[in-house]
């Protein structure tokens, strides 16, 4: 998703990127996710679990993207299904 959101094929799936300031969000993808383009950041659930009660998420910001872990009860994160 990071490759698509930032229009940059060099971002790997597992990588944290601490300087995305030269990149811009893909407006059509952001709109499809239901996120306001004026947002400064947002998070999406990843596809990896960290245990029975938590899972990884990816944060997408204007200046960086990074991974974190959160409890599954957090309803502020969005779910995206990606099909091959």
PDB file of N, CA and C in Angstrom:
ATOM      1  N   UNK A   1       0.815  -1.193   0.000  1.00  0.00           N
ATOM      2  CA  UNK A   1       0.000   0.000   0.000  1.00  0.00           C
ATOM      3  C   UNK A   1       0.859   1.257   0.000  1.00  0.00           C
ATOM      4  N   UNK A   2       1.982   1.233   0.685  1.00  0.00           N
ATOM      5  CA  UNK A   2       2.824   2.440   0.738  1.00  0.00           C
ATOM      6  C   UNK A   2       3.285   2.837  -0.657  1.00  0.00           C
ATOM      7  N   UNK A   3       3.628   1.849  -1.478  1.00  0.00           N
ATOM      8  CA  UNK A   3       4.047   2.148  -2.851  1.00  0.00           C
ATOM      9  C   UNK A   3       2.949   2.885  -3.601  1.00  0.00           C
ATOM     10  N   UNK A   4       1.718   2.430  -3.422  1.00  0.00           N
ATOM     11  CA  UNK A   4       0.578   3.018  -4.136  1.00  0.00           C
ATOM     12  C   UNK A   4       0.223   4.378  -3.555  1.00  0.00           C
ATOM     13  N   UNK A   5       0.184   4.492  -2.241  1.00  0.00           N
ATOM     14  CA  UNK A   5      -0.221   5.744  -1.607  1.00  0.00           C
ATOM     15  C   UNK A   5       0.770   6.866  -1.897  1.00  0.00           C
ATOM     16  N   UNK A   6       2.061   6.548  -1.906  1.00  0.00           N
ATOM     17  CA  UNK A   6       3.078   7.578  -2.137  1.00  0.00           C
ATOM     18  C   UNK A   6       3.554   7.653  -3.597  1.00  0.00           C
ATOM     19  N   UNK A   7       2.979   6.842  -4.473  1.00  0.00           N
ATOM     20  CA  UNK A   7       3.418   6.820  -5.874  1.00  0.00           C
ATOM     21  C   UNK A   7       4.925   6.588  -5.988  1.00  0.00           C
ATOM     22  N   UNK A   8       5.443   5.646  -5.206  1.00  0.00           N
ATOM     23  CA  UNK A   8       6.885   5.404  -5.195  1.00  0.00           C
ATOM     24  C   UNK A   8       7.157   3.904  -5.087  1.00  0.00           C
ATOM     25  N   UNK A   9       7.605   3.291  -6.173  1.00  0.00           N
ATOM     26  CA  UNK A   9       7.866   1.853  -6.191  1.00  0.00           C
ATOM     27  C   UNK A   9       9.103   1.439  -5.416  1.00  0.00           C
ATOM     28  N   UNK A  10       9.883   2.390  -4.929  1.00  0.00           N
ATOM     29  CA  UNK A  10      11.100   2.031  -4.201  1.00  0.00           C
ATOM     30  C   UNK A  10      10.841   1.728  -2.721  1.00  0.00           C
ATOM     31  N   UNK A  11       9.644   2.018  -2.218  1.00  0.00           N
ATOM     32  CA  UNK A  11       9.339   1.731  -0.815  1.00  0.00           C
ATOM     33  C   UNK A  11       9.023   0.247  -0.674  1.00  0.00           C
ATOM     34  N   UNK A  12       9.756  -0.430   0.199  1.00  0.00           N
ATOM     35  CA  UNK A  12       9.498  -1.856   0.396  1.00  0.00           C
ATOM     36  C   UNK A  12       8.375  -2.046   1.406  1.00  0.00           C
ATOM     37  N   UNK A  13       7.801  -3.235   1.401  1.00  0.00           N
ATOM     38  CA  UNK A  13       6.668  -3.549   2.271  1.00  0.00           C
ATOM     39  C   UNK A  13       7.014  -3.418   3.746  1.00  0.00           C
ATOM     40  N   UNK A  14       8.227  -3.811   4.114  1.00  0.00           N
ATOM     41  CA  UNK A  14       8.592  -3.844   5.525  1.00  0.00           C
ATOM     42  C   UNK A  14       9.299  -2.578   6.004  1.00  0.00           C
ATOM     43  N   UNK A  15       9.650  -1.704   5.113  1.00  0.00           N
ATOM     44  CA  UNK A  15      10.509  -0.565   5.432  1.00  0.00           C
ATOM     45  C   UNK A  15       9.762   0.592   6.100  1.00  0.00           C
ATOM     46  N   UNK A  16      10.401   1.193   7.099  1.00  0.00           N
ATOM     47  CA  UNK A  16       9.981   2.483   7.634  1.00  0.00           C
ATOM     48  C   UNK A  16      10.702   3.541   6.809  1.00  0.00           C
ATOM     49  N   UNK A  17      10.015   4.568   6.385  1.00  0.00           N
ATOM     50  CA  UNK A  17      10.630   5.633   5.601  1.00  0.00           C
ATOM     51  C   UNK A  17      10.485   6.920   6.386  1.00  0.00           C
ATOM     52  N   UNK A  18      11.605   7.484   6.817  1.00  0.00           N
ATOM     53  CA  UNK A  18      11.565   8.652   7.682  1.00  0.00           C
ATOM     54  C   UNK A  18      11.585   9.980   6.943  1.00  0.00           C
ATOM     55  N   UNK A  19      11.628   9.948   5.626  1.00  0.00           N
ATOM     56  CA  UNK A  19      11.552  11.199   4.874  1.00  0.00           C
ATOM     57  C   UNK A  19      10.772  10.980   3.589  1.00  0.00           C
ATOM     58  N   UNK A  20       9.483  11.225   3.637  1.00  0.00           N
ATOM     59  CA  UNK A  20       8.642  11.140   2.446  1.00  0.00           C
ATOM     60  C   UNK A  20       8.263  12.547   1.975  1.00  0.00           C
ATOM     61  N   UNK A  21       8.977  13.556   2.468  1.00  0.00           N
ATOM     62  CA  UNK A  21       8.610  14.941   2.181  1.00  0.00           C
ATOM     63  C   UNK A  21       8.654  15.266   0.692  1.00  0.00           C
ATOM     64  N   UNK A  22       9.442  14.542  -0.079  1.00  0.00           N
ATOM     65  CA  UNK A  22       9.492  14.769  -1.523  1.00  0.00           C
ATOM     66  C   UNK A  22       8.409  14.022  -2.279  1.00  0.00           C
ATOM     67  N   UNK A  23       7.602  13.236  -1.563  1.00  0.00           N
ATOM     68  CA  UNK A  23       6.553  12.433  -2.182  1.00  0.00           C
ATOM     69  C   UNK A  23       5.186  13.042  -1.900  1.00  0.00           C
ATOM     70  N   UNK A  24       4.222  12.728  -2.728  1.00  0.00           N
ATOM     71  CA  UNK A  24       2.856  13.187  -2.487  1.00  0.00           C
ATOM     72  C   UNK A  24       1.921  11.989  -2.478  1.00  0.00           C
ATOM     73  N   UNK A  25       0.843  12.097  -1.716  1.00  0.00           N
ATOM     74  CA  UNK A  25      -0.151  11.035  -1.675  1.00  0.00           C
ATOM     75  C   UNK A  25      -0.894  10.963  -2.996  1.00  0.00           C
ATOM     76  N   UNK A  26      -1.253   9.770  -3.382  1.00  0.00           N
ATOM     77  CA  UNK A  26      -2.069   9.539  -4.569  1.00  0.00           C
ATOM     78  C   UNK A  26      -3.511   9.915  -4.208  1.00  0.00           C
ATOM     79  N   UNK A  27      -3.976  11.042  -4.737  1.00  0.00           N
ATOM     80  CA  UNK A  27      -5.292  11.571  -4.351  1.00  0.00           C
ATOM     81  C   UNK A  27      -6.427  10.593  -4.619  1.00  0.00           C
ATOM     82  N   UNK A  28      -6.376   9.854  -5.721  1.00  0.00           N
ATOM     83  CA  UNK A  28      -7.477   8.937  -6.026  1.00  0.00           C
ATOM     84  C   UNK A  28      -7.517   7.772  -5.039  1.00  0.00           C
ATOM     85  N   UNK A  29      -6.369   7.278  -4.611  1.00  0.00           N
ATOM     86  CA  UNK A  29      -6.321   6.188  -3.627  1.00  0.00           C
ATOM     87  C   UNK A  29      -6.815   6.699  -2.273  1.00  0.00           C
ATOM     88  N   UNK A  30      -6.366   7.875  -1.879  1.00  0.00           N
ATOM     89  CA  UNK A  30      -6.794   8.457  -0.607  1.00  0.00           C
ATOM     90  C   UNK A  30      -8.310   8.613  -0.587  1.00  0.00           C
ATOM     91  N   UNK A  31      -8.868   9.095  -1.686  1.00  0.00           N
ATOM     92  CA  UNK A  31     -10.324   9.275  -1.771  1.00  0.00           C
ATOM     93  C   UNK A  31     -11.050   7.934  -1.673  1.00  0.00           C
ATOM     94  N   UNK A  32     -10.530   6.894  -2.333  1.00  0.00           N
ATOM     95  CA  UNK A  32     -11.155   5.574  -2.272  1.00  0.00           C
ATOM     96  C   UNK A  32     -11.128   4.995  -0.861  1.00  0.00           C
ATOM     97  N   UNK A  33     -10.122   5.367  -0.078  1.00  0.00           N
ATOM     98  CA  UNK A  33     -10.023   4.903   1.303  1.00  0.00           C
ATOM     99  C   UNK A  33     -10.926   5.709   2.235  1.00  0.00           C
ATOM    100  N   UNK A  34     -11.523   6.784   1.705  1.00  0.00           N
ATOM    101  CA  UNK A  34     -12.398   7.618   2.515  1.00  0.00           C
ATOM    102  C   UNK A  34     -11.658   8.560   3.437  1.00  0.00           C
ATOM    103  N   UNK A  35     -10.421   8.906   3.061  1.00  0.00           N
ATOM    104  CA  UNK A  35      -9.592   9.780   3.889  1.00  0.00           C
ATOM    105  C   UNK A  35      -9.542  11.161   3.253  1.00  0.00           C
ATOM    106  N   UNK A  36      -9.671  12.180   4.075  1.00  0.00           N
ATOM    107  CA  UNK A  36      -9.571  13.551   3.582  1.00  0.00           C
ATOM    108  C   UNK A  36      -8.136  13.821   3.149  1.00  0.00           C
ATOM    109  N   UNK A  37      -7.973  14.384   1.976  1.00  0.00           N
ATOM    110  CA  UNK A  37      -6.626  14.668   1.473  1.00  0.00           C
ATOM    111  C   UNK A  37      -5.904  15.685   2.364  1.00  0.00           C
ATOM    112  N   UNK A  38      -6.651  16.472   3.103  1.00  0.00           N
ATOM    113  CA  UNK A  38      -6.043  17.477   3.982  1.00  0.00           C
ATOM    114  C   UNK A  38      -5.524  16.870   5.290  1.00  0.00           C
ATOM    115  N   UNK A  39      -5.786  15.587   5.528  1.00  0.00           N
ATOM    116  CA  UNK A  39      -5.309  14.930   6.753  1.00  0.00           C
ATOM    117  C   UNK A  39      -3.782  14.966   6.801  1.00  0.00           C
ATOM    118  N   UNK A  40      -3.233  15.030   7.995  1.00  0.00           N
ATOM    119  CA  UNK A  40      -1.776  15.029   8.116  1.00  0.00           C
ATOM    120  C   UNK A  40      -1.216  13.613   8.208  1.00  0.00           C
ATOM    121  N   UNK A  41      -2.056  12.630   8.622  1.00  0.00           N
ATOM    122  CA  UNK A  41      -1.640  11.235   8.675  1.00  0.00           C
ATOM    123  C   UNK A  41      -2.867  10.353   8.868  1.00  0.00           C
ATOM    124  N   UNK A  42      -2.690   9.055   8.613  1.00  0.00           N
ATOM    125  CA  UNK A  42      -3.733   8.067   8.875  1.00  0.00           C
ATOM    126  C   UNK A  42      -3.070   6.710   9.041  1.00  0.00           C
ATOM    127  N   UNK A  43      -3.819   5.732   9.564  1.00  0.00           N
ATOM    128  CA  UNK A  43      -3.286   4.387   9.792  1.00  0.00           C
ATOM    129  C   UNK A  43      -4.188   3.345   9.154  1.00  0.00           C
ATOM    130  N   UNK A  44      -3.548   2.273   8.690  1.00  0.00           N
ATOM    131  CA  UNK A  44      -4.266   1.120   8.150  1.00  0.00           C
ATOM    132  C   UNK A  44      -3.743  -0.132   8.851  1.00  0.00           C
ATOM    133  N   UNK A  45      -4.635  -1.071   9.121  1.00  0.00           N
ATOM    134  CA  UNK A  45      -4.195  -2.347   9.676  1.00  0.00           C
ATOM    135  C   UNK A  45      -3.333  -3.074   8.656  1.00  0.00           C
ATOM    136  N   UNK A  46      -2.292  -3.735   9.125  1.00  0.00           N
ATOM    137  CA  UNK A  46      -1.474  -4.587   8.280  1.00  0.00           C
ATOM    138  C   UNK A  46      -2.058  -5.996   8.237  1.00  0.00           C
ATOM    139  N   UNK A  47      -1.339  -6.906   7.627  1.00  0.00           N
ATOM    140  CA  UNK A  47      -1.831  -8.279   7.520  1.00  0.00           C
ATOM    141  C   UNK A  47      -1.096  -9.240   8.454  1.00  0.00           C
ATOM    142  N   UNK A  48      -0.340  -8.711   9.421  1.00  0.00           N
ATOM    143  CA  UNK A  48       0.412  -9.563  10.346  1.00  0.00           C
ATOM    144  C   UNK A  48      -0.088  -9.378  11.772  1.00  0.00           C
ATOM    145  N   UNK A  49      -0.255 -10.484  12.466  1.00  0.00           N
ATOM    146  CA  UNK A  49      -0.642 -10.440  13.867  1.00  0.00           C
ATOM    147  C   UNK A  49       0.589 -10.324  14.749  1.00  0.00           C
ATOM    148  N   UNK A  50       0.402  -9.758  15.920  1.00  0.00           N
ATOM    149  CA  UNK A  50       1.472  -9.680  16.900  1.00  0.00           C
ATOM    150  C   UNK A  50       1.106 -10.486  18.142  1.00  0.00           C
ATOM    151  N   UNK A  51       0.087 -11.284  18.055  1.00  0.00           N
ATOM    152  CA  UNK A  51      -0.407 -12.075  19.174  1.00  0.00           C
ATOM    153  C   UNK A  51      -1.915 -12.183  19.071  1.00  0.00           C
ATOM    154  N   UNK A  52      -2.516 -12.782  20.081  1.00  0.00           N
ATOM    155  CA  UNK A  52      -3.958 -13.018  20.016  1.00  0.00           C
ATOM    156  C   UNK A  52      -4.783 -11.747  20.179  1.00  0.00           C
ATOM    157  N   UNK A  53      -4.190 -10.685  20.697  1.00  0.00           N
ATOM    158  CA  UNK A  53      -4.951  -9.465  20.944  1.00  0.00           C
ATOM    159  C   UNK A  53      -4.436  -8.243  20.193  1.00  0.00           C
ATOM    160  N   UNK A  54      -3.385  -8.389  19.400  1.00  0.00           N
ATOM    161  CA  UNK A  54      -2.841  -7.216  18.713  1.00  0.00           C
ATOM    162  C   UNK A  54      -2.351  -7.571  17.311  1.00  0.00           C
ATOM    163  N   UNK A  55      -2.219  -6.544  16.500  1.00  0.00           N
ATOM    164  CA  UNK A  55      -1.778  -6.711  15.118  1.00  0.00           C
ATOM    165  C   UNK A  55      -0.977  -5.468  14.707  1.00  0.00           C
ATOM    166  N   UNK A  56      -0.246  -5.605  13.619  1.00  0.00           N
ATOM    167  CA  UNK A  56       0.547  -4.490  13.108  1.00  0.00           C
ATOM    168  C   UNK A  56      -0.326  -3.536  12.290  1.00  0.00           C
ATOM    169  N   UNK A  57       0.013  -2.277  12.343  1.00  0.00           N
ATOM    170  CA  UNK A  57      -0.608  -1.264  11.495  1.00  0.00           C
ATOM    171  C   UNK A  57       0.494  -0.464  10.815  1.00  0.00           C
ATOM    172  N   UNK A  58       0.133   0.237   9.768  1.00  0.00           N
ATOM    173  CA  UNK A  58       1.087   1.126   9.102  1.00  0.00           C
ATOM    174  C   UNK A  58       0.524   2.530   9.134  1.00  0.00           C
ATOM    175  N   UNK A  59       1.342   3.471   9.581  1.00  0.00           N
ATOM    176  CA  UNK A  59       0.970   4.880   9.585  1.00  0.00           C
ATOM    177  C   UNK A  59       1.497   5.530   8.325  1.00  0.00           C
ATOM    178  N   UNK A  60       0.682   6.384   7.747  1.00  0.00           N
ATOM    179  CA  UNK A  60       1.044   7.124   6.544  1.00  0.00           C
ATOM    180  C   UNK A  60       0.957   8.603   6.865  1.00  0.00           C
ATOM    181  N   UNK A  61       2.092   9.277   6.881  1.00  0.00           N
ATOM    182  CA  UNK A  61       2.130  10.695   7.186  1.00  0.00           C
ATOM    183  C   UNK A  61       2.648  11.500   6.018  1.00  0.00           C
ATOM    184  N   UNK A  62       2.545  12.814   6.139  1.00  0.00           N
ATOM    185  CA  UNK A  62       3.040  13.704   5.085  1.00  0.00           C
ATOM    186  C   UNK A  62       4.564  13.667   5.002  1.00  0.00           C
ATOM    187  N   UNK A  63       5.234  13.327   6.117  1.00  0.00           N
ATOM    188  CA  UNK A  63       6.696  13.353   6.100  1.00  0.00           C
ATOM    189  C   UNK A  63       7.355  12.019   6.400  1.00  0.00           C
ATOM    190  N   UNK A  64       6.577  10.978   6.735  1.00  0.00           N
ATOM    191  CA  UNK A  64       7.165   9.653   6.946  1.00  0.00           C
ATOM    192  C   UNK A  64       6.086   8.592   6.986  1.00  0.00           C
ATOM    193  N   UNK A  65       6.495   7.318   6.859  1.00  0.00           N
ATOM    194  CA  UNK A  65       5.599   6.168   6.996  1.00  0.00           C
ATOM    195  C   UNK A  65       6.301   5.144   7.874  1.00  0.00           C
ATOM    196  N   UNK A  66       5.542   4.522   8.780  1.00  0.00           N
ATOM    197  CA  UNK A  66       6.156   3.614   9.740  1.00  0.00           C
ATOM    198  C   UNK A  66       5.163   2.553  10.202  1.00  0.00           C
ATOM    199  N   UNK A  67       5.718   1.464  10.777  1.00  0.00           N
ATOM    200  CA  UNK A  67       4.932   0.358  11.314  1.00  0.00           C
ATOM    201  C   UNK A  67       4.787   0.501  12.814  1.00  0.00           C
ATOM    202  N   UNK A  68       3.716  -0.019  13.365  1.00  0.00           N
ATOM    203  CA  UNK A  68       3.503  -0.051  14.802  1.00  0.00           C
ATOM    204  C   UNK A  68       2.629  -1.234  15.159  1.00  0.00           C
ATOM    205  N   UNK A  69       2.346  -1.387  16.447  1.00  0.00           N
ATOM    206  CA  UNK A  69       1.503  -2.479  16.940  1.00  0.00           C
ATOM    207  C   UNK A  69       0.395  -1.863  17.780  1.00  0.00           C
ATOM    208  N   UNK A  70      -0.810  -2.381  17.617  1.00  0.00           N
ATOM    209  CA  UNK A  70      -1.961  -1.844  18.349  1.00  0.00           C
ATOM    210  C   UNK A  70      -2.895  -2.988  18.707  1.00  0.00           C
ATOM    211  N   UNK A  71      -3.650  -2.816  19.785  1.00  0.00           N
ATOM    212  CA  UNK A  71      -4.663  -3.791  20.164  1.00  0.00           C
ATOM    213  C   UNK A  71      -5.777  -3.837  19.138  1.00  0.00           C
ATOM    214  N   UNK A  72      -6.326  -5.000  18.923  1.00  0.00           N
ATOM    215  CA  UNK A  72      -7.381  -5.170  17.910  1.00  0.00           C
ATOM    216  C   UNK A  72      -8.651  -4.387  18.238  1.00  0.00           C
ATOM    217  N   UNK A  73      -8.810  -3.971  19.457  1.00  0.00           N
ATOM    218  CA  UNK A  73      -9.997  -3.234  19.871  1.00  0.00           C
ATOM    219  C   UNK A  73     -10.021  -1.796  19.344  1.00  0.00           C
ATOM    220  N   UNK A  74      -8.912  -1.322  18.807  1.00  0.00           N
ATOM    221  CA  UNK A  74      -8.820   0.071  18.354  1.00  0.00           C
ATOM    222  C   UNK A  74      -9.652   0.266  17.088  1.00  0.00           C
ATOM    223  N   UNK A  75     -10.755   0.946  17.201  1.00  0.00           N
ATOM    224  CA  UNK A  75     -11.648   1.137  16.052  1.00  0.00           C
ATOM    225  C   UNK A  75     -11.269   2.345  15.203  1.00  0.00           C
ATOM    226  N   UNK A  76     -10.226   3.076  15.586  1.00  0.00           N
ATOM    227  CA  UNK A  76      -9.803   4.231  14.802  1.00  0.00           C
ATOM    228  C   UNK A  76      -9.003   3.837  13.555  1.00  0.00           C
ATOM    229  N   UNK A  77      -8.523   2.603  13.513  1.00  0.00           N
ATOM    230  CA  UNK A  77      -7.754   2.142  12.359  1.00  0.00           C
ATOM    231  C   UNK A  77      -8.696   1.597  11.300  1.00  0.00           C
ATOM    232  N   UNK A  78      -8.325   1.747  10.050  1.00  0.00           N
ATOM    233  CA  UNK A  78      -9.145   1.279   8.934  1.00  0.00           C
ATOM    234  C   UNK A  78      -8.639  -0.047   8.393  1.00  0.00           C
ATOM    235  N   UNK A  79      -9.529  -0.799   7.838  1.00  0.00           N
ATOM    236  CA  UNK A  79      -9.182  -2.087   7.233  1.00  0.00           C
ATOM    237  C   UNK A  79      -9.285  -1.949   5.726  1.00  0.00           C
ATOM    238  N   UNK A  80      -8.289  -2.456   5.031  1.00  0.00           N
ATOM    239  CA  UNK A  80      -8.304  -2.433   3.568  1.00  0.00           C
ATOM    240  C   UNK A  80      -8.044  -3.850   3.085  1.00  0.00           C
ATOM    241  N   UNK A  81      -8.884  -4.341   2.192  1.00  0.00           N
ATOM    242  CA  UNK A  81      -8.670  -5.653   1.592  1.00  0.00           C
ATOM    243  C   UNK A  81      -8.008  -5.458   0.231  1.00  0.00           C
ATOM    244  N   UNK A  82      -6.913  -6.158   0.021  1.00  0.00           N
ATOM    245  CA  UNK A  82      -6.192  -6.056  -1.239  1.00  0.00           C
ATOM    246  C   UNK A  82      -6.179  -7.432  -1.885  1.00  0.00           C
ATOM    247  N   UNK A  83      -6.634  -7.535  -3.112  1.00  0.00           N
ATOM    248  CA  UNK A  83      -6.658  -8.812  -3.832  1.00  0.00           C
ATOM    249  C   UNK A  83      -5.550  -8.828  -4.876  1.00  0.00           C
ATOM    250  N   UNK A  84      -4.945  -9.979  -5.062  1.00  0.00           N
ATOM    251  CA  UNK A  84      -3.924 -10.133  -6.104  1.00  0.00           C
ATOM    252  C   UNK A  84      -4.573 -10.390  -7.442  1.00  0.00           C
TER     253      UNK A  84
END
